[in-house]
Each structure stands twice: as structure tokens, then as C-alpha cells.
Amino acid sequence: MKTLILSIIVAISLITPAFGAEITPLSIIGDLKNATSMQVEDYSDKLVGTQIKWKSTVQDVAKLPGVENVYLVKLSTGEGKFTLNAVYISLNKHDALLINKGMVLVYAGSIKGVNSIMGINIAVTVTNVNIIK
């Protein structure tokens, strides 16, 4: 019984974000590559509000269904197998129309949440976004 409890504690500590360290797409991928859905939810709760500054490539821009004047920008960041393919930021229509597919954005904001479907697709939602360039 003690071994089982120790194993669970070790597994949970492996996916705890290193607070004080910079949170990067690569650190999120590394932290969640073997995580269960329950561990992803716990990890996401710990990251909510974390300030980030990332550089990403625009994949698409689309209207958020059912919400007036809010557009989601889907971004990817990283390289090769260490690419985070779904980072979402929301913008107003005016700003969203200025963004083209393939454009590289540098932006800052705070993490709203992290989702993962069985450890395969990891998505990060960022709020209070300020596009730097």
C-alpha cells in the first residue's frame, strides 16, 4: 500500500508546473505528454492566470459562435514534434481582420486553461492578450 501511495505522489509531482520558472509551450508539452485527463485538469487549474509571452504562427481566425464581436485566433508554437498546435486567443473583429494565416505574432497574456484529449492534442487558451508584433 505504501508503494502505491508513493507512486501516485511521484506521478502528481511530475506534472506540477514549476512556478517561478517560465512557462513555455515546450514545458507544457513535456509536463503533459504522459498525463491522464484528471492530471491535465489539475495542471490547468494551477496554470490559470500565469502570465506568458510567446511567439506563434497563425493557423486560422474564426468568429466565436454565439458571441458578439469575438474572434478566435488559432496559433501554433514550437518546432517539429514539440509543436503546440492549438493556442487560442480572442480578439475583436477589427484586430482579427488584420491577421493573416501564416503570420507570426508575438503576444503576451494570461493562461485561461489547458486542455488535452487523452494526451494527444494539447490546447491552451490565453486571455487578456496584448499583441506585441
Protein backbone atom coordinates (compact mmCIF):
# COMPACT_ATOMS: atom_id res chain seq x y z
CA MET A 1 0.00 0.00 0.00
CA LYS A 2 2.79 2.47 0.80
CA THR A 3 4.41 1.81 -2.57
CA LEU A 4 1.17 2.64 -4.38
CA ILE A 5 0.77 5.89 -2.47
CA LEU A 6 4.39 6.84 -3.14
CA SER A 7 3.92 6.13 -6.87
CA ILE A 8 0.88 8.39 -7.02
CA ILE A 9 2.68 11.21 -5.26
CA VAL A 10 5.63 10.92 -7.66
CA ALA A 11 3.34 10.94 -10.70
CA ILE A 12 1.50 14.02 -9.49
CA SER A 13 4.69 15.91 -8.68
CA LEU A 14 5.99 15.24 -12.20
CA ILE A 15 3.19 17.23 -13.77
CA THR A 16 3.16 20.15 -11.37
CA PRO A 17 4.24 23.27 -13.24
CA ALA A 18 7.48 24.76 -11.97
CA PHE A 19 6.25 28.03 -10.51
CA GLY A 20 8.78 30.81 -10.77
CA ALA A 21 10.07 29.18 -13.97
CA GLU A 22 8.96 30.50 -17.34
CA ILE A 23 6.01 28.55 -18.72
CA THR A 24 6.68 27.74 -22.36
CA PRO A 25 4.85 25.63 -24.93
CA LEU A 26 7.69 23.11 -24.67
CA SER A 27 7.34 22.89 -20.87
CA ILE A 28 3.58 22.30 -21.19
CA ILE A 29 4.10 19.56 -23.79
CA GLY A 30 6.75 17.92 -21.62
CA ASP A 31 4.63 18.13 -18.49
CA LEU A 32 1.54 16.64 -20.14
CA LYS A 33 2.92 14.03 -22.55
CA ASN A 34 2.02 11.13 -20.22
CA ALA A 35 -0.69 12.79 -18.13
CA THR A 36 -4.17 11.43 -17.60
CA SER A 37 -7.21 13.62 -18.24
CA MET A 38 -7.58 14.12 -14.50
CA GLN A 39 -3.95 15.22 -14.16
CA VAL A 40 -4.36 17.65 -17.08
CA GLU A 41 -7.33 19.25 -15.32
CA ASP A 42 -5.32 19.66 -12.11
CA TYR A 43 -2.34 21.06 -14.04
CA SER A 44 -4.60 23.51 -15.88
CA ASP A 45 -6.07 24.77 -12.61
CA LYS A 46 -2.54 25.53 -11.37
CA LEU A 47 -1.65 27.48 -14.55
CA VAL A 48 -4.75 29.70 -14.66
CA GLY A 49 -3.64 33.32 -14.50
CA THR A 50 0.01 32.58 -15.33
CA GLN A 51 1.47 35.39 -17.45
CA ILE A 52 3.11 34.30 -20.70
CA LYS A 53 4.88 35.92 -23.64
CA TRP A 54 5.02 33.63 -26.66
CA LYS A 55 5.76 33.76 -30.38
CA SER A 56 3.37 31.74 -32.55
CA THR A 57 2.25 31.23 -36.14
CA VAL A 58 -1.37 31.97 -37.11
CA GLN A 59 -3.25 28.89 -38.35
CA ASP A 60 -6.73 30.38 -38.65
CA VAL A 61 -9.11 33.11 -37.46
CA ALA A 62 -12.83 32.41 -36.96
CA LYS A 63 -15.84 34.01 -35.28
CA LEU A 64 -16.65 32.56 -31.88
CA PRO A 65 -20.15 31.12 -32.36
CA GLY A 66 -22.89 32.78 -30.34
CA VAL A 67 -20.68 35.62 -29.07
CA GLU A 68 -20.89 39.14 -30.46
CA ASN A 69 -17.66 40.63 -31.87
CA VAL A 70 -15.27 37.95 -30.54
CA TYR A 71 -12.95 36.10 -32.91
CA LEU A 72 -10.69 33.19 -32.03
CA VAL A 73 -7.17 33.07 -33.42
CA LYS A 74 -5.74 29.56 -33.58
CA LEU A 75 -1.96 29.60 -33.29
CA SER A 76 0.80 27.01 -33.29
CA THR A 77 4.08 27.42 -31.49
CA GLY A 78 7.20 25.27 -31.26
CA GLU A 79 9.09 23.08 -33.69
CA GLY A 80 8.62 19.56 -35.03
CA LYS A 81 7.20 17.09 -32.55
CA PHE A 82 7.42 19.77 -29.88
CA THR A 83 4.76 21.93 -31.53
CA LEU A 84 1.78 23.09 -29.52
CA ASN A 85 -0.80 23.15 -32.31
CA ALA A 86 -3.65 24.85 -30.53
CA VAL A 87 -3.13 28.11 -28.71
CA TYR A 88 -6.29 30.22 -28.75
CA ILE A 89 -6.53 33.96 -28.24
CA SER A 90 -9.64 36.09 -28.71
CA LEU A 91 -9.72 39.45 -30.45
CA ASN A 92 -12.30 41.96 -31.62
CA LYS A 93 -13.31 41.98 -35.29
CA HIS A 94 -11.14 44.97 -36.22
CA ASP A 95 -7.95 43.36 -34.87
CA ALA A 96 -8.88 39.89 -36.17
CA LEU A 97 -9.20 41.26 -39.73
CA LEU A 98 -5.59 42.47 -39.60
CA ILE A 99 -4.24 38.94 -39.09
CA ASN A 100 -3.30 36.63 -41.96
CA LYS A 101 -2.74 32.87 -41.99
CA GLY A 102 0.97 32.12 -41.59
CA MET A 103 1.68 35.45 -39.86
CA VAL A 104 4.00 35.23 -36.86
CA LEU A 105 2.71 37.01 -33.74
CA VAL A 106 4.47 37.87 -30.51
CA TYR A 107 1.90 38.31 -27.78
CA ALA A 108 1.52 38.40 -24.02
CA GLY A 109 -1.42 37.39 -21.89
CA SER A 110 -2.55 35.11 -19.10
CA ILE A 111 -3.38 31.43 -19.37
CA LYS A 112 -7.10 30.77 -19.03
CA GLY A 113 -6.85 26.99 -19.31
CA VAL A 114 -5.10 23.94 -20.72
CA ASN A 115 -6.99 21.04 -22.28
CA SER A 116 -5.82 17.69 -23.58
CA ILE A 117 -7.69 14.87 -25.26
CA MET A 118 -6.13 11.65 -24.00
CA GLY A 119 -2.69 13.30 -24.07
CA ILE A 120 -2.74 13.62 -27.86
CA ASN A 121 -3.97 17.15 -28.58
CA ILE A 122 -2.99 19.84 -26.12
CA ALA A 123 -4.75 23.22 -26.36
CA VAL A 124 -4.01 26.37 -24.38
CA THR A 125 -6.41 29.31 -24.11
CA VAL A 126 -4.87 32.72 -23.40
CA THR A 127 -6.86 35.78 -22.27
CA ASN A 128 -6.11 39.48 -21.77
CA VAL A 129 -3.95 39.33 -24.87
CA ASN A 130 -1.66 42.15 -25.95
CA ILE A 131 -0.18 41.64 -29.42
CA ILE A 132 3.35 42.96 -29.35
CA LYS A 133 4.10 42.48 -33.06
